[in-house]
Amino acid sequence: MGMNHDWGYLPRDFLALKVTYDSSADFKQLVDECHQRKIRIIIDAVFNHTVTDCPLAMIDHDYWYYKGKYNPDDPCYWGPELNYEYYDEQQNLKPAWKFATDVVRYWISEFYLDGIRFDAEMDNYDILRELDNLARSVRGSQPFYTAVEYVPETTAILKPNGGPVDVCWSASFHSVKSHP
């Protein structure tokens, strides 16, 4: 099978729909139609890595990303990894952190989403808690759901256990093989 689809796991433009998904107006209409039918819209968000030529990497790689792999022992590497720990003293902010919150705010306020599933998040409950709190404040009294693919898997990340998210996706499903 040739690689002609990345399923959105190599993000480049965080504030734009992929052209093959149609226009923003069409997506808004889809969300409205789904909501009229009591169907909730939950998007998949990838904030842990990007495509190599993402504009952030092209502008100033070391400002936004780790200089190398976040976890050098991890055999998986999907591309430059956003650095949520770097603090810019002149701007008094964590650039990747602020960027992620701005993106989440945009998608929820622009498209009235009902939830976000965060792809393979690192061990950073603080950013997940911030994104969850932000999402709920933007949605107001409307329900909002946060899910995460969390590696390593643990139930400690769930809200009933003091964690920042509603649901944890099981990465162990990757080992399930296709059936004949």
N, C-alpha and C. Protein backbone atom coordinates (compact mmCIF):
# COMPACT_ATOMS: atom_id res chain seq x y z
N MET A 1 0.85 -1.17 0.00
CA MET A 1 0.00 0.00 0.00
C MET A 1 0.89 1.24 0.00
N GLY A 2 0.70 2.11 -0.96
CA GLY A 2 1.45 3.35 -1.02
C GLY A 2 0.99 4.33 0.03
N MET A 3 1.86 5.22 0.43
CA MET A 3 1.53 6.21 1.46
C MET A 3 1.00 7.47 0.79
N ASN A 4 -0.33 7.55 0.63
CA ASN A 4 -0.90 8.76 0.07
C ASN A 4 -1.86 9.43 1.05
N HIS A 5 -1.99 8.88 2.24
CA HIS A 5 -2.81 9.49 3.29
C HIS A 5 -2.04 9.42 4.60
N ASP A 6 -2.11 10.48 5.39
CA ASP A 6 -1.47 10.42 6.70
C ASP A 6 -2.50 10.46 7.81
N TRP A 7 -3.77 10.49 7.47
CA TRP A 7 -4.86 10.49 8.44
C TRP A 7 -4.77 11.65 9.42
N GLY A 8 -4.01 12.67 9.09
CA GLY A 8 -3.92 13.85 9.95
C GLY A 8 -2.90 13.74 11.06
N TYR A 9 -2.11 12.67 11.09
CA TYR A 9 -1.15 12.49 12.17
C TYR A 9 0.20 13.13 11.90
N LEU A 10 0.30 13.86 10.82
CA LEU A 10 1.50 14.65 10.53
C LEU A 10 1.04 16.08 10.29
N PRO A 11 0.62 16.77 11.36
CA PRO A 11 0.05 18.10 11.18
C PRO A 11 1.05 19.13 10.67
N ARG A 12 0.54 20.01 9.85
CA ARG A 12 1.32 21.10 9.29
C ARG A 12 0.66 22.43 9.64
N ASP A 13 -0.61 22.53 9.36
CA ASP A 13 -1.37 23.77 9.55
C ASP A 13 -2.47 23.51 10.57
N PHE A 14 -2.25 23.92 11.80
CA PHE A 14 -3.15 23.60 12.90
C PHE A 14 -4.48 24.35 12.86
N LEU A 15 -4.54 25.43 12.10
CA LEU A 15 -5.76 26.24 12.08
C LEU A 15 -6.54 26.10 10.78
N ALA A 16 -6.20 25.13 9.97
CA ALA A 16 -6.89 24.95 8.68
C ALA A 16 -7.33 23.51 8.52
N LEU A 17 -8.53 23.36 7.97
CA LEU A 17 -8.98 22.02 7.61
C LEU A 17 -8.16 21.51 6.44
N LYS A 18 -7.93 20.23 6.42
CA LYS A 18 -7.27 19.63 5.27
C LYS A 18 -8.20 19.80 4.06
N VAL A 19 -7.64 20.19 2.93
CA VAL A 19 -8.43 20.51 1.74
C VAL A 19 -9.37 19.37 1.37
N THR A 20 -8.94 18.14 1.53
CA THR A 20 -9.78 17.00 1.16
C THR A 20 -10.99 16.85 2.07
N TYR A 21 -11.01 17.57 3.20
CA TYR A 21 -12.16 17.52 4.10
C TYR A 21 -13.19 18.59 3.76
N ASP A 22 -12.95 19.39 2.76
CA ASP A 22 -13.85 20.44 2.29
C ASP A 22 -13.58 21.76 3.00
N SER A 23 -14.49 22.69 2.90
CA SER A 23 -14.27 24.04 3.43
C SER A 23 -14.71 24.15 4.89
N SER A 24 -14.30 25.23 5.53
CA SER A 24 -14.73 25.50 6.90
C SER A 24 -16.24 25.64 6.97
N ALA A 25 -16.83 26.30 5.98
CA ALA A 25 -18.28 26.46 5.96
C ALA A 25 -18.98 25.11 5.89
N ASP A 26 -18.46 24.21 5.07
CA ASP A 26 -19.05 22.87 4.97
C ASP A 26 -18.88 22.09 6.27
N PHE A 27 -17.74 22.24 6.91
CA PHE A 27 -17.53 21.55 8.19
C PHE A 27 -18.48 22.10 9.25
N LYS A 28 -18.66 23.41 9.27
CA LYS A 28 -19.62 24.01 10.22
C LYS A 28 -21.02 23.47 9.97
N GLN A 29 -21.38 23.34 8.71
CA GLN A 29 -22.70 22.80 8.38
C GLN A 29 -22.82 21.35 8.86
N LEU A 30 -21.76 20.57 8.66
CA LEU A 30 -21.75 19.18 9.15
C LEU A 30 -21.96 19.14 10.66
N VAL A 31 -21.23 19.98 11.39
CA VAL A 31 -21.36 20.02 12.84
C VAL A 31 -22.79 20.40 13.23
N ASP A 32 -23.35 21.43 12.58
CA ASP A 32 -24.72 21.85 12.87
C ASP A 32 -25.72 20.73 12.61
N GLU A 33 -25.56 20.06 11.47
CA GLU A 33 -26.47 18.95 11.12
C GLU A 33 -26.35 17.82 12.13
N CYS A 34 -25.15 17.52 12.54
CA CYS A 34 -24.95 16.47 13.54
C CYS A 34 -25.58 16.86 14.87
N HIS A 35 -25.38 18.09 15.29
CA HIS A 35 -25.95 18.55 16.55
C HIS A 35 -27.48 18.50 16.51
N GLN A 36 -28.08 18.84 15.37
CA GLN A 36 -29.53 18.76 15.24
C GLN A 36 -30.03 17.33 15.43
N ARG A 37 -29.18 16.36 15.13
CA ARG A 37 -29.52 14.95 15.26
C ARG A 37 -28.98 14.35 16.56
N LYS A 38 -28.53 15.21 17.47
CA LYS A 38 -27.99 14.80 18.78
C LYS A 38 -26.73 13.95 18.64
N ILE A 39 -25.94 14.22 17.61
CA ILE A 39 -24.66 13.55 17.40
C ILE A 39 -23.56 14.52 17.83
N ARG A 40 -22.66 14.07 18.66
CA ARG A 40 -21.57 14.92 19.13
C ARG A 40 -20.37 14.79 18.19
N ILE A 41 -19.64 15.89 18.06
CA ILE A 41 -18.45 15.92 17.20
C ILE A 41 -17.20 15.99 18.07
N ILE A 42 -16.38 14.97 17.95
CA ILE A 42 -15.11 14.91 18.67
C ILE A 42 -14.01 14.78 17.63
N ILE A 43 -13.06 15.72 17.66
CA ILE A 43 -11.97 15.66 16.69
C ILE A 43 -10.73 15.04 17.32
N ASP A 44 -9.85 14.63 16.46
CA ASP A 44 -8.57 14.06 16.86
C ASP A 44 -7.53 15.17 16.73
N ALA A 45 -6.80 15.45 17.79
CA ALA A 45 -5.80 16.52 17.76
C ALA A 45 -4.41 15.95 18.02
N VAL A 46 -3.48 16.35 17.20
CA VAL A 46 -2.10 15.89 17.34
C VAL A 46 -1.24 17.10 17.72
N PHE A 47 -0.88 17.17 19.00
CA PHE A 47 -0.06 18.28 19.50
C PHE A 47 1.29 17.80 19.99
N ASN A 48 1.61 16.54 19.76
CA ASN A 48 2.89 16.03 20.25
C ASN A 48 3.99 16.08 19.20
N HIS A 49 3.63 16.08 17.92
CA HIS A 49 4.64 16.13 16.86
C HIS A 49 4.02 16.75 15.61
N THR A 50 4.87 17.12 14.67
CA THR A 50 4.40 17.71 13.41
C THR A 50 5.21 17.13 12.25
N VAL A 51 4.78 17.49 11.06
CA VAL A 51 5.56 17.17 9.88
C VAL A 51 6.85 18.02 9.94
N THR A 52 7.91 17.55 9.34
CA THR A 52 9.21 18.22 9.41
C THR A 52 9.18 19.65 8.90
N ASP A 53 8.40 19.90 7.83
CA ASP A 53 8.37 21.25 7.28
C ASP A 53 7.16 22.06 7.74
N CYS A 54 6.70 21.79 8.96
CA CYS A 54 5.64 22.60 9.57
C CYS A 54 6.16 24.04 9.66
N PRO A 55 5.30 25.04 9.42
CA PRO A 55 5.77 26.43 9.51
C PRO A 55 6.48 26.76 10.83
N LEU A 56 6.03 26.19 11.94
CA LEU A 56 6.71 26.46 13.21
C LEU A 56 8.16 26.01 13.17
N ALA A 57 8.39 24.84 12.57
CA ALA A 57 9.76 24.32 12.47
C ALA A 57 10.59 25.16 11.51
N MET A 58 9.95 25.67 10.47
CA MET A 58 10.67 26.46 9.47
C MET A 58 11.02 27.85 10.01
N ILE A 59 10.18 28.39 10.89
CA ILE A 59 10.42 29.72 11.45
C ILE A 59 11.56 29.67 12.46
N ASP A 60 11.45 28.77 13.45
CA ASP A 60 12.47 28.66 14.49
C ASP A 60 12.31 27.33 15.22
N HIS A 61 12.92 26.31 14.68
CA HIS A 61 12.76 24.95 15.20
C HIS A 61 12.99 24.87 16.71
N ASP A 62 14.09 25.40 17.19
CA ASP A 62 14.46 25.23 18.60
C ASP A 62 13.59 26.03 19.56
N TYR A 63 12.84 27.00 19.05
CA TYR A 63 11.92 27.77 19.89
C TYR A 63 10.68 26.94 20.20
N TRP A 64 10.25 26.13 19.25
CA TRP A 64 9.00 25.38 19.38
C TRP A 64 9.19 23.92 19.75
N TYR A 65 10.33 23.34 19.38
CA TYR A 65 10.51 21.90 19.47
C TYR A 65 11.71 21.52 20.33
N TYR A 66 11.70 20.26 20.77
CA TYR A 66 12.90 19.71 21.39
C TYR A 66 13.98 19.65 20.33
N LYS A 67 15.22 19.81 20.74
CA LYS A 67 16.33 19.76 19.78
C LYS A 67 16.52 18.36 19.22
N GLY A 68 16.23 17.36 20.00
CA GLY A 68 16.28 15.96 19.57
C GLY A 68 14.98 15.28 19.96
N LYS A 69 15.02 13.98 20.05
CA LYS A 69 13.83 13.24 20.47
C LYS A 69 13.54 13.51 21.94
N TYR A 70 12.27 13.67 22.29
CA TYR A 70 11.85 13.86 23.68
C TYR A 70 12.29 12.67 24.52
N ASN A 71 12.07 11.49 23.99
CA ASN A 71 12.48 10.27 24.67
C ASN A 71 13.41 9.49 23.74
N PRO A 72 14.71 9.63 23.90
CA PRO A 72 15.67 8.99 22.99
C PRO A 72 15.54 7.47 22.91
N ASP A 73 15.00 6.84 23.95
CA ASP A 73 14.86 5.38 23.96
C ASP A 73 13.61 4.89 23.25
N ASP A 74 12.70 5.79 22.92
CA ASP A 74 11.46 5.41 22.24
C ASP A 74 11.76 5.10 20.78
N PRO A 75 11.44 3.88 20.32
CA PRO A 75 11.73 3.53 18.93
C PRO A 75 10.84 4.25 17.92
N CYS A 76 9.72 4.79 18.39
CA CYS A 76 8.81 5.51 17.49
C CYS A 76 9.21 6.97 17.40
N TYR A 77 9.28 7.47 16.21
CA TYR A 77 9.53 8.89 16.01
C TYR A 77 8.69 9.33 14.82
N TRP A 78 7.75 10.21 15.08
CA TRP A 78 6.80 10.63 14.05
C TRP A 78 7.14 11.99 13.46
N GLY A 79 8.15 12.64 13.97
CA GLY A 79 8.52 13.96 13.48
C GLY A 79 8.91 14.86 14.63
N PRO A 80 9.26 16.11 14.33
CA PRO A 80 9.66 17.05 15.38
C PRO A 80 8.62 17.11 16.50
N GLU A 81 9.10 17.06 17.75
CA GLU A 81 8.21 17.00 18.91
C GLU A 81 8.14 18.36 19.61
N LEU A 82 6.92 18.88 19.75
CA LEU A 82 6.73 20.17 20.40
C LEU A 82 7.21 20.12 21.84
N ASN A 83 7.88 21.19 22.26
CA ASN A 83 8.48 21.27 23.59
C ASN A 83 7.59 22.11 24.51
N TYR A 84 6.81 21.44 25.33
CA TYR A 84 5.90 22.12 26.26
C TYR A 84 6.61 22.58 27.52
N GLU A 85 7.88 22.27 27.67
CA GLU A 85 8.64 22.66 28.85
C GLU A 85 9.41 23.97 28.65
N TYR A 86 9.74 24.30 27.41
CA TYR A 86 10.55 25.49 27.14
C TYR A 86 9.79 26.75 27.55
N TYR A 87 10.47 27.61 28.31
CA TYR A 87 9.89 28.86 28.79
C TYR A 87 10.65 30.03 28.19
N ASP A 88 9.94 30.93 27.52
CA ASP A 88 10.52 32.13 26.94
C ASP A 88 10.42 33.24 27.98
N GLU A 89 11.55 33.60 28.59
CA GLU A 89 11.56 34.61 29.65
C GLU A 89 11.17 35.99 29.15
N GLN A 90 11.56 36.33 27.92
CA GLN A 90 11.23 37.66 27.38
C GLN A 90 9.73 37.81 27.16
N GLN A 91 9.09 36.75 26.69
CA GLN A 91 7.65 36.80 26.43
C GLN A 91 6.82 36.37 27.64
N ASN A 92 7.50 35.80 28.65
CA ASN A 92 6.84 35.32 29.86
C ASN A 92 5.78 34.26 29.54
N LEU A 93 6.17 33.28 28.72
CA LEU A 93 5.25 32.21 28.35
C LEU A 93 5.99 30.98 27.84
N LYS A 94 5.26 29.90 27.77
CA LYS A 94 5.76 28.67 27.14
C LYS A 94 5.15 28.66 25.74
N PRO A 95 5.95 28.88 24.70
CA PRO A 95 5.41 29.06 23.34
C PRO A 95 4.56 27.90 22.84
N ALA A 96 5.04 26.67 22.97
CA ALA A 96 4.26 25.54 22.46
C ALA A 96 2.96 25.39 23.24
N TRP A 97 3.02 25.64 24.52
CA TRP A 97 1.85 25.56 25.40
C TRP A 97 0.81 26.59 24.95
N LYS A 98 1.26 27.84 24.78
CA LYS A 98 0.34 28.91 24.34
C LYS A 98 -0.23 28.59 22.97
N PHE A 99 0.59 28.08 22.08
CA PHE A 99 0.13 27.73 20.74
C PHE A 99 -0.98 26.67 20.82
N ALA A 100 -0.76 25.63 21.61
CA ALA A 100 -1.76 24.56 21.73
C ALA A 100 -3.07 25.10 22.30
N THR A 101 -3.00 25.97 23.31
CA THR A 101 -4.23 26.51 23.88
C THR A 101 -4.94 27.42 22.88
N ASP A 102 -4.20 28.19 22.11
CA ASP A 102 -4.82 29.04 21.08
C ASP A 102 -5.51 28.20 20.02
N VAL A 103 -4.88 27.10 19.62
CA VAL A 103 -5.47 26.21 18.61
C VAL A 103 -6.75 25.57 19.14
N VAL A 104 -6.71 25.06 20.36
CA VAL A 104 -7.90 24.44 20.95
C VAL A 104 -9.03 25.46 21.07
N ARG A 105 -8.71 26.66 21.54
CA ARG A 105 -9.72 27.71 21.66
C ARG A 105 -10.36 28.00 20.30
N TYR A 106 -9.54 28.11 19.27
CA TYR A 106 -10.04 28.38 17.92
C TYR A 106 -11.01 27.29 17.46
N TRP A 107 -10.60 26.03 17.53
CA TRP A 107 -11.42 24.94 17.01
C TRP A 107 -12.75 24.82 17.75
N ILE A 108 -12.72 25.02 19.05
CA ILE A 108 -13.96 24.90 19.82
C ILE A 108 -14.88 26.08 19.58
N SER A 109 -14.34 27.30 19.60
CA SER A 109 -15.19 28.47 19.42
C SER A 109 -15.64 28.64 17.97
N GLU A 110 -14.83 28.25 17.02
CA GLU A 110 -15.18 28.39 15.60
C GLU A 110 -16.15 27.31 15.13
N PHE A 111 -15.98 26.08 15.62
CA PHE A 111 -16.76 24.96 15.08
C PHE A 111 -17.69 24.30 16.10
N TYR A 112 -17.70 24.79 17.34
CA TYR A 112 -18.60 24.27 18.38
C TYR A 112 -18.44 22.76 18.58
N LEU A 113 -17.21 22.34 18.73
CA LEU A 113 -16.92 20.93 18.94
C LEU A 113 -17.41 20.47 20.30
N ASP A 114 -17.59 19.16 20.42
CA ASP A 114 -18.07 18.57 21.67
C ASP A 114 -16.98 17.82 22.42
N GLY A 115 -15.82 17.68 21.78
CA GLY A 115 -14.74 16.96 22.43
C GLY A 115 -13.50 16.92 21.57
N ILE A 116 -12.40 16.58 22.23
CA ILE A 116 -11.12 16.42 21.54
C ILE A 116 -10.45 15.18 22.08
N ARG A 117 -9.91 14.38 21.17
CA ARG A 117 -9.08 13.24 21.54
C ARG A 117 -7.64 13.64 21.22
N PHE A 118 -6.79 13.68 22.22
CA PHE A 118 -5.40 14.08 22.05
C PHE A 118 -4.55 12.85 21.76
N ASP A 119 -3.78 12.93 20.69
CA ASP A 119 -2.92 11.84 20.26
C ASP A 119 -1.72 11.68 21.18
N ALA A 120 -1.37 10.44 21.48
CA ALA A 120 -0.17 10.03 22.20
C ALA A 120 0.51 11.13 23.01
N GLU A 121 -0.11 11.56 24.04
CA GLU A 121 0.44 12.65 24.85
C GLU A 121 1.58 12.15 25.74
N MET A 122 2.52 13.05 25.95
CA MET A 122 3.62 12.74 26.85
C MET A 122 3.13 12.86 28.29
N ASP A 123 3.98 12.55 29.20
CA ASP A 123 3.64 12.57 30.62
C ASP A 123 3.58 14.01 31.11
N ASN A 124 2.55 14.74 30.68
CA ASN A 124 2.42 16.15 31.05
C ASN A 124 0.96 16.44 31.39
N TYR A 125 0.59 16.12 32.62
CA TYR A 125 -0.78 16.34 33.06
C TYR A 125 -1.14 17.82 33.06
N ASP A 126 -0.16 18.68 33.28
CA ASP A 126 -0.44 20.11 33.39
C ASP A 126 -1.01 20.68 32.10
N ILE A 127 -0.40 20.36 30.95
CA ILE A 127 -0.92 20.89 29.69
C ILE A 127 -2.28 20.26 29.38
N LEU A 128 -2.45 18.98 29.67
CA LEU A 128 -3.75 18.34 29.43
C LEU A 128 -4.83 18.95 30.31
N ARG A 129 -4.50 19.22 31.56
CA ARG A 129 -5.48 19.84 32.47
C ARG A 129 -5.82 21.25 31.98
N GLU A 130 -4.81 21.99 31.54
CA GLU A 130 -5.05 23.34 31.01
C GLU A 130 -5.95 23.29 29.78
N LEU A 131 -5.68 22.36 28.86
CA LEU A 131 -6.49 22.25 27.64
C LEU A 131 -7.91 21.82 27.98
N ASP A 132 -8.07 20.91 28.92
CA ASP A 132 -9.40 20.47 29.35
C ASP A 132 -10.18 21.63 29.98
N ASN A 133 -9.54 22.37 30.89
CA ASN A 133 -10.20 23.51 31.53
C ASN A 133 -10.57 24.59 30.51
N LEU A 134 -9.66 24.86 29.59
CA LEU A 134 -9.92 25.84 28.55
C LEU A 134 -11.12 25.43 27.70
N ALA A 135 -11.12 24.17 27.28
CA ALA A 135 -12.22 23.67 26.44
C ALA A 135 -13.56 23.82 27.14
N ARG A 136 -13.60 23.47 28.39
CA ARG A 136 -14.86 23.57 29.14
C ARG A 136 -15.28 25.02 29.35
N SER A 137 -14.33 25.92 29.53
CA SER A 137 -14.70 27.33 29.69
C SER A 137 -15.21 27.92 28.38
N VAL A 138 -14.63 27.50 27.26
CA VAL A 138 -15.10 28.00 25.95
C VAL A 138 -16.50 27.46 25.66
N ARG A 139 -16.76 26.20 25.99
CA ARG A 139 -18.07 25.59 25.72
C ARG A 139 -19.13 26.01 26.73
N GLY A 140 -18.73 26.59 27.83
CA GLY A 140 -19.70 27.05 28.81
C GLY A 140 -20.47 25.90 29.43
N SER A 141 -21.80 26.00 29.40
CA SER A 141 -22.63 24.98 30.03
C SER A 141 -22.81 23.73 29.17
N GLN A 142 -22.33 23.77 27.94
CA GLN A 142 -22.45 22.61 27.05
C GLN A 142 -21.45 21.52 27.45
N PRO A 143 -21.85 20.26 27.35
CA PRO A 143 -20.91 19.18 27.69
C PRO A 143 -19.70 19.18 26.75
N PHE A 144 -18.56 18.81 27.30
CA PHE A 144 -17.34 18.70 26.50
C PHE A 144 -16.55 17.51 27.03
N TYR A 145 -15.96 16.74 26.13
CA TYR A 145 -15.26 15.52 26.50
C TYR A 145 -13.81 15.57 26.04
N THR A 146 -12.92 15.13 26.90
CA THR A 146 -11.51 15.02 26.52
C THR A 146 -11.09 13.56 26.64
N ALA A 147 -10.42 13.12 25.60
CA ALA A 147 -9.88 11.76 25.58
C ALA A 147 -8.41 11.87 25.21
N VAL A 148 -7.65 10.86 25.57
CA VAL A 148 -6.23 10.91 25.28
C VAL A 148 -5.71 9.51 25.00
N GLU A 149 -4.81 9.43 24.03
CA GLU A 149 -4.01 8.22 23.88
C GLU A 149 -2.80 8.47 24.76
N TYR A 150 -2.71 7.74 25.82
CA TYR A 150 -1.67 8.02 26.81
C TYR A 150 -0.72 6.84 26.91
N VAL A 151 0.53 7.12 26.70
CA VAL A 151 1.56 6.09 26.76
C VAL A 151 2.56 6.50 27.84
N PRO A 152 2.80 5.74 28.88
CA PRO A 152 2.26 4.40 29.11
C PRO A 152 0.83 4.47 29.62
N GLU A 153 0.07 3.42 29.34
CA GLU A 153 -1.33 3.39 29.75
C GLU A 153 -1.44 3.34 31.27
N THR A 154 -2.32 4.17 31.79
CA THR A 154 -2.57 4.19 33.23
C THR A 154 -3.92 4.85 33.46
N THR A 155 -4.65 4.38 34.45
CA THR A 155 -5.93 5.00 34.77
C THR A 155 -5.73 6.26 35.62
N ALA A 156 -4.52 6.54 36.06
CA ALA A 156 -4.25 7.74 36.86
C ALA A 156 -4.53 9.01 36.08
N ILE A 157 -4.54 8.93 34.75
CA ILE A 157 -4.77 10.11 33.92
C ILE A 157 -6.25 10.51 33.88
N LEU A 158 -7.13 9.64 34.36
CA LEU A 158 -8.57 9.90 34.31
C LEU A 158 -9.02 10.77 35.47
N LYS A 159 -10.03 11.62 35.22
CA LYS A 159 -10.53 12.55 36.23
C LYS A 159 -10.93 11.88 37.55
N PRO A 160 -11.63 10.74 37.51
CA PRO A 160 -12.00 10.12 38.80
C PRO A 160 -10.79 9.75 39.66
N ASN A 161 -9.63 9.63 39.03
CA ASN A 161 -8.40 9.29 39.74
C ASN A 161 -7.49 10.50 39.95
N GLY A 162 -8.03 11.70 39.73
CA GLY A 162 -7.26 12.93 39.91
C GLY A 162 -6.55 13.41 38.66
N GLY A 163 -6.74 12.73 37.55
CA GLY A 163 -6.11 13.12 36.30
C GLY A 163 -6.88 14.20 35.56
N PRO A 164 -6.38 14.61 34.39
CA PRO A 164 -6.96 15.74 33.68
C PRO A 164 -7.98 15.42 32.58
N VAL A 165 -8.22 14.14 32.25
CA VAL A 165 -9.08 13.83 31.10
C VAL A 165 -10.20 12.86 31.46
N ASP A 166 -11.21 12.81 30.57
CA ASP A 166 -12.37 11.95 30.79
C ASP A 166 -12.13 10.49 30.42
N VAL A 167 -11.41 10.29 29.31
CA VAL A 167 -11.26 8.94 28.75
C VAL A 167 -9.82 8.73 28.31
N CYS A 168 -9.32 7.51 28.48
CA CYS A 168 -7.99 7.16 28.00
C CYS A 168 -8.12 6.05 26.97
N TRP A 169 -7.61 6.30 25.78
CA TRP A 169 -7.64 5.34 24.69
C TRP A 169 -6.53 4.33 24.90
N SER A 170 -6.79 3.09 24.60
CA SER A 170 -5.81 2.03 24.83
C SER A 170 -4.90 1.84 23.64
N ALA A 171 -3.65 2.20 23.78
CA ALA A 171 -2.67 2.04 22.70
C ALA A 171 -2.34 0.57 22.45
N SER A 172 -2.69 -0.30 23.38
CA SER A 172 -2.39 -1.72 23.20
C SER A 172 -3.16 -2.31 22.03
N PHE A 173 -4.17 -1.63 21.53
CA PHE A 173 -4.91 -2.12 20.36
C PHE A 173 -4.04 -2.13 19.11
N HIS A 174 -2.91 -1.43 19.14
CA HIS A 174 -2.01 -1.44 17.99
C HIS A 174 -1.55 -2.85 17.65
N SER A 175 -1.52 -3.73 18.62
CA SER A 175 -1.02 -5.08 18.38
C SER A 175 -2.08 -6.02 17.81
N VAL A 176 -3.31 -5.57 17.73
CA VAL A 176 -4.38 -6.41 17.18
C VAL A 176 -4.16 -6.56 15.68
N LYS A 177 -4.18 -7.78 15.21
CA LYS A 177 -3.94 -8.06 13.79
C LYS A 177 -5.27 -8.13 13.04
N SER A 178 -5.21 -7.91 11.74
CA SER A 178 -6.40 -8.05 10.89
C SER A 178 -6.80 -9.51 10.84
N HIS A 179 -8.08 -9.73 10.78
CA HIS A 179 -8.60 -11.09 10.68
C HIS A 179 -8.90 -11.40 9.22
N PRO A 180 -8.70 -12.69 8.82
CA PRO A 180 -8.96 -13.05 7.41
C PRO A 180 -10.42 -12.88 7.03
